[in-house]
Amino acid sequence: MKKEYDFTKGKRGPVVRQRGKTRITIHLDDDVLEAFRDRADTEGRGYQTMINEALRDHLGRSGDRVNADIIRRIVREEIRKAG
């Protein structure tokens, strides 16, 4: 090992960036998140993948820009379908 390392040109963040995906912070209602997690456990799939598919499905149907209100409506529709 070296006695000292030069990090002046270092960058923060993941070593390898994942292509085609962006990490964001999003606040979902507890009941919505729980419903997606329950469905994911039942189907043996990832809940984040299922949320992504629900949003993608909505975009394909409407072509509207997605905002927080639209996301809430989509997620509630998906929960009703599952219920």
N, C-alpha and C. Protein backbone atom coordinates (compact mmCIF):
# COMPACT_ATOMS: atom_id res chain seq x y z
N MET A 1 0.84 -1.19 0.00
CA MET A 1 0.00 0.00 0.00
C MET A 1 0.87 1.23 0.00
N LYS A 2 0.35 2.27 -0.63
CA LYS A 2 1.06 3.54 -0.62
C LYS A 2 0.85 4.22 0.71
N LYS A 3 1.78 5.08 1.03
CA LYS A 3 1.65 5.84 2.27
C LYS A 3 0.53 6.87 2.14
N GLU A 4 0.42 7.49 0.94
CA GLU A 4 -0.63 8.49 0.67
C GLU A 4 -1.21 8.26 -0.71
N TYR A 5 -2.47 8.60 -0.88
CA TYR A 5 -3.14 8.51 -2.16
C TYR A 5 -3.63 9.88 -2.56
N ASP A 6 -3.63 10.17 -3.87
CA ASP A 6 -4.07 11.46 -4.38
C ASP A 6 -5.51 11.32 -4.89
N PHE A 7 -6.45 11.95 -4.19
CA PHE A 7 -7.86 11.91 -4.58
C PHE A 7 -8.33 13.23 -5.16
N THR A 8 -7.41 14.10 -5.58
CA THR A 8 -7.81 15.42 -6.09
C THR A 8 -8.65 15.31 -7.36
N LYS A 9 -8.46 14.26 -8.13
CA LYS A 9 -9.25 14.09 -9.36
C LYS A 9 -10.35 13.05 -9.18
N GLY A 10 -10.61 12.68 -7.94
CA GLY A 10 -11.64 11.69 -7.65
C GLY A 10 -13.04 12.25 -7.87
N LYS A 11 -13.97 11.36 -8.15
CA LYS A 11 -15.37 11.73 -8.34
C LYS A 11 -16.24 10.93 -7.38
N ARG A 12 -17.29 11.57 -6.89
CA ARG A 12 -18.23 10.86 -6.02
C ARG A 12 -19.24 10.11 -6.86
N GLY A 13 -19.82 9.11 -6.28
CA GLY A 13 -20.88 8.38 -6.97
C GLY A 13 -20.48 6.94 -7.22
N PRO A 14 -21.37 6.21 -7.90
CA PRO A 14 -21.10 4.79 -8.15
C PRO A 14 -19.89 4.62 -9.07
N VAL A 15 -19.19 3.54 -8.88
CA VAL A 15 -18.03 3.26 -9.71
C VAL A 15 -18.47 2.99 -11.15
N VAL A 16 -19.53 2.21 -11.30
CA VAL A 16 -20.06 1.90 -12.63
C VAL A 16 -21.49 2.40 -12.69
N ARG A 17 -21.76 3.34 -13.59
CA ARG A 17 -23.11 3.87 -13.75
C ARG A 17 -23.99 2.87 -14.48
N GLN A 18 -25.23 2.78 -14.04
CA GLN A 18 -26.19 1.88 -14.68
C GLN A 18 -26.83 2.63 -15.85
N ARG A 19 -26.75 2.09 -17.02
CA ARG A 19 -27.29 2.74 -18.21
C ARG A 19 -28.81 2.58 -18.28
N GLY A 20 -29.51 3.65 -18.67
CA GLY A 20 -30.93 3.59 -18.89
C GLY A 20 -31.78 3.73 -17.64
N LYS A 21 -31.16 3.96 -16.50
CA LYS A 21 -31.91 4.14 -15.26
C LYS A 21 -31.32 5.30 -14.50
N THR A 22 -32.18 6.00 -13.77
CA THR A 22 -31.75 7.12 -12.96
C THR A 22 -32.26 6.93 -11.55
N ARG A 23 -31.38 7.08 -10.58
CA ARG A 23 -31.77 6.96 -9.18
C ARG A 23 -32.42 8.28 -8.76
N ILE A 24 -33.64 8.19 -8.21
CA ILE A 24 -34.35 9.37 -7.72
C ILE A 24 -34.91 9.06 -6.34
N THR A 25 -35.32 10.10 -5.67
CA THR A 25 -36.05 9.94 -4.41
C THR A 25 -37.48 10.30 -4.70
N ILE A 26 -38.40 9.43 -4.31
CA ILE A 26 -39.82 9.66 -4.54
C ILE A 26 -40.57 9.25 -3.28
N HIS A 27 -41.57 10.03 -2.92
CA HIS A 27 -42.38 9.72 -1.75
C HIS A 27 -43.70 9.13 -2.22
N LEU A 28 -43.95 7.89 -1.81
CA LEU A 28 -45.20 7.21 -2.12
C LEU A 28 -45.97 6.99 -0.84
N ASP A 29 -47.28 6.97 -0.94
CA ASP A 29 -48.10 6.68 0.23
C ASP A 29 -47.77 5.27 0.72
N ASP A 30 -47.81 5.10 2.04
CA ASP A 30 -47.47 3.80 2.63
C ASP A 30 -48.32 2.67 2.08
N ASP A 31 -49.64 2.93 1.93
CA ASP A 31 -50.52 1.87 1.45
C ASP A 31 -50.22 1.49 0.00
N VAL A 32 -49.79 2.45 -0.79
CA VAL A 32 -49.45 2.19 -2.18
C VAL A 32 -48.20 1.32 -2.25
N LEU A 33 -47.20 1.69 -1.51
CA LEU A 33 -45.95 0.94 -1.51
C LEU A 33 -46.17 -0.48 -0.98
N GLU A 34 -46.95 -0.59 0.07
CA GLU A 34 -47.24 -1.91 0.65
C GLU A 34 -47.97 -2.80 -0.36
N ALA A 35 -48.91 -2.21 -1.11
CA ALA A 35 -49.66 -2.98 -2.11
C ALA A 35 -48.73 -3.50 -3.20
N PHE A 36 -47.82 -2.65 -3.67
CA PHE A 36 -46.88 -3.11 -4.69
C PHE A 36 -45.94 -4.17 -4.14
N ARG A 37 -45.50 -4.01 -2.90
CA ARG A 37 -44.62 -5.02 -2.30
C ARG A 37 -45.33 -6.36 -2.13
N ASP A 38 -46.61 -6.30 -1.71
CA ASP A 38 -47.39 -7.53 -1.56
C ASP A 38 -47.55 -8.23 -2.91
N ARG A 39 -47.90 -7.45 -3.95
CA ARG A 39 -48.06 -8.03 -5.28
C ARG A 39 -46.74 -8.61 -5.77
N ALA A 40 -45.66 -7.92 -5.50
CA ALA A 40 -44.35 -8.39 -5.94
C ALA A 40 -44.00 -9.71 -5.27
N ASP A 41 -44.28 -9.82 -3.97
CA ASP A 41 -44.02 -11.08 -3.26
C ASP A 41 -44.85 -12.21 -3.84
N THR A 42 -46.12 -11.92 -4.13
CA THR A 42 -47.02 -12.93 -4.68
C THR A 42 -46.54 -13.41 -6.05
N GLU A 43 -46.10 -12.46 -6.89
CA GLU A 43 -45.70 -12.80 -8.26
C GLU A 43 -44.22 -13.15 -8.37
N GLY A 44 -43.46 -12.98 -7.29
CA GLY A 44 -42.04 -13.28 -7.33
C GLY A 44 -41.25 -12.32 -8.19
N ARG A 45 -41.65 -11.06 -8.18
CA ARG A 45 -40.98 -10.03 -8.99
C ARG A 45 -40.60 -8.86 -8.10
N GLY A 46 -39.87 -7.91 -8.64
CA GLY A 46 -39.48 -6.73 -7.88
C GLY A 46 -40.57 -5.67 -7.88
N TYR A 47 -40.82 -5.07 -6.74
CA TYR A 47 -41.88 -4.05 -6.66
C TYR A 47 -41.51 -2.80 -7.44
N GLN A 48 -40.23 -2.44 -7.49
CA GLN A 48 -39.85 -1.26 -8.26
C GLN A 48 -40.07 -1.49 -9.75
N THR A 49 -39.82 -2.70 -10.20
CA THR A 49 -40.08 -3.05 -11.59
C THR A 49 -41.57 -2.92 -11.89
N MET A 50 -42.40 -3.36 -10.96
CA MET A 50 -43.85 -3.29 -11.17
C MET A 50 -44.34 -1.84 -11.20
N ILE A 51 -43.78 -0.99 -10.36
CA ILE A 51 -44.14 0.44 -10.38
C ILE A 51 -43.72 1.04 -11.71
N ASN A 52 -42.51 0.70 -12.16
CA ASN A 52 -42.01 1.20 -13.44
C ASN A 52 -42.93 0.77 -14.59
N GLU A 53 -43.36 -0.48 -14.57
CA GLU A 53 -44.26 -0.98 -15.62
C GLU A 53 -45.60 -0.27 -15.60
N ALA A 54 -46.12 0.01 -14.40
CA ALA A 54 -47.40 0.72 -14.29
C ALA A 54 -47.27 2.13 -14.87
N LEU A 55 -46.18 2.80 -14.58
CA LEU A 55 -45.96 4.14 -15.13
C LEU A 55 -45.77 4.09 -16.64
N ARG A 56 -45.01 3.11 -17.12
CA ARG A 56 -44.79 2.97 -18.56
C ARG A 56 -46.11 2.67 -19.29
N ASP A 57 -46.93 1.82 -18.69
CA ASP A 57 -48.23 1.48 -19.25
C ASP A 57 -49.10 2.73 -19.37
N HIS A 58 -49.09 3.53 -18.33
CA HIS A 58 -49.89 4.76 -18.36
C HIS A 58 -49.40 5.70 -19.45
N LEU A 59 -48.10 5.85 -19.59
CA LEU A 59 -47.55 6.73 -20.62
C LEU A 59 -47.97 6.26 -22.01
N GLY A 60 -48.00 4.95 -22.20
CA GLY A 60 -48.41 4.41 -23.49
C GLY A 60 -49.87 4.68 -23.80
N ARG A 61 -50.70 4.73 -22.78
CA ARG A 61 -52.13 4.97 -22.98
C ARG A 61 -52.44 6.44 -23.19
N SER A 62 -51.76 7.32 -22.44
CA SER A 62 -52.17 8.71 -22.46
C SER A 62 -51.21 9.63 -23.19
N GLY A 63 -49.92 9.34 -23.12
CA GLY A 63 -48.94 10.23 -23.71
C GLY A 63 -48.75 11.52 -22.92
N ASP A 64 -49.48 11.66 -21.81
CA ASP A 64 -49.36 12.85 -20.96
C ASP A 64 -48.03 12.86 -20.24
N ARG A 65 -47.59 14.05 -19.89
CA ARG A 65 -46.41 14.15 -19.04
C ARG A 65 -46.80 13.68 -17.65
N VAL A 66 -45.87 13.06 -16.99
CA VAL A 66 -46.14 12.50 -15.66
C VAL A 66 -45.75 13.52 -14.60
N ASN A 67 -46.69 13.75 -13.67
CA ASN A 67 -46.39 14.58 -12.51
C ASN A 67 -46.84 13.80 -11.27
N ALA A 68 -46.68 14.38 -10.11
CA ALA A 68 -46.99 13.67 -8.86
C ALA A 68 -48.44 13.23 -8.81
N ASP A 69 -49.37 14.08 -9.25
CA ASP A 69 -50.79 13.70 -9.22
C ASP A 69 -51.08 12.51 -10.13
N ILE A 70 -50.47 12.50 -11.30
CA ILE A 70 -50.68 11.39 -12.23
C ILE A 70 -50.10 10.11 -11.65
N ILE A 71 -48.93 10.19 -11.04
CA ILE A 71 -48.33 9.00 -10.43
C ILE A 71 -49.23 8.44 -9.35
N ARG A 72 -49.78 9.32 -8.51
CA ARG A 72 -50.68 8.84 -7.45
C ARG A 72 -51.90 8.14 -8.05
N ARG A 73 -52.47 8.74 -9.11
CA ARG A 73 -53.66 8.15 -9.73
C ARG A 73 -53.32 6.78 -10.34
N ILE A 74 -52.19 6.69 -11.02
CA ILE A 74 -51.79 5.43 -11.64
C ILE A 74 -51.62 4.34 -10.58
N VAL A 75 -50.91 4.68 -9.52
CA VAL A 75 -50.63 3.69 -8.48
C VAL A 75 -51.94 3.24 -7.83
N ARG A 76 -52.85 4.16 -7.58
CA ARG A 76 -54.14 3.77 -6.99
C ARG A 76 -54.94 2.87 -7.93
N GLU A 77 -54.89 3.17 -9.24
CA GLU A 77 -55.57 2.30 -10.21
C GLU A 77 -55.00 0.88 -10.16
N GLU A 78 -53.68 0.78 -10.08
CA GLU A 78 -53.04 -0.52 -10.05
C GLU A 78 -53.43 -1.29 -8.77
N ILE A 79 -53.52 -0.58 -7.68
CA ILE A 79 -53.91 -1.23 -6.42
C ILE A 79 -55.34 -1.75 -6.52
N ARG A 80 -56.23 -0.94 -7.10
CA ARG A 80 -57.63 -1.40 -7.24
C ARG A 80 -57.71 -2.64 -8.12
N LYS A 81 -56.90 -2.66 -9.19
CA LYS A 81 -56.89 -3.83 -10.07
C LYS A 81 -56.47 -5.09 -9.31
N ALA A 82 -55.50 -4.91 -8.44
CA ALA A 82 -54.96 -6.06 -7.70
C ALA A 82 -55.90 -6.51 -6.59
N GLY A 83 -56.69 -5.58 -6.07
CA GLY A 83 -57.54 -5.87 -4.92
C GLY A 83 -58.70 -6.68 -5.23
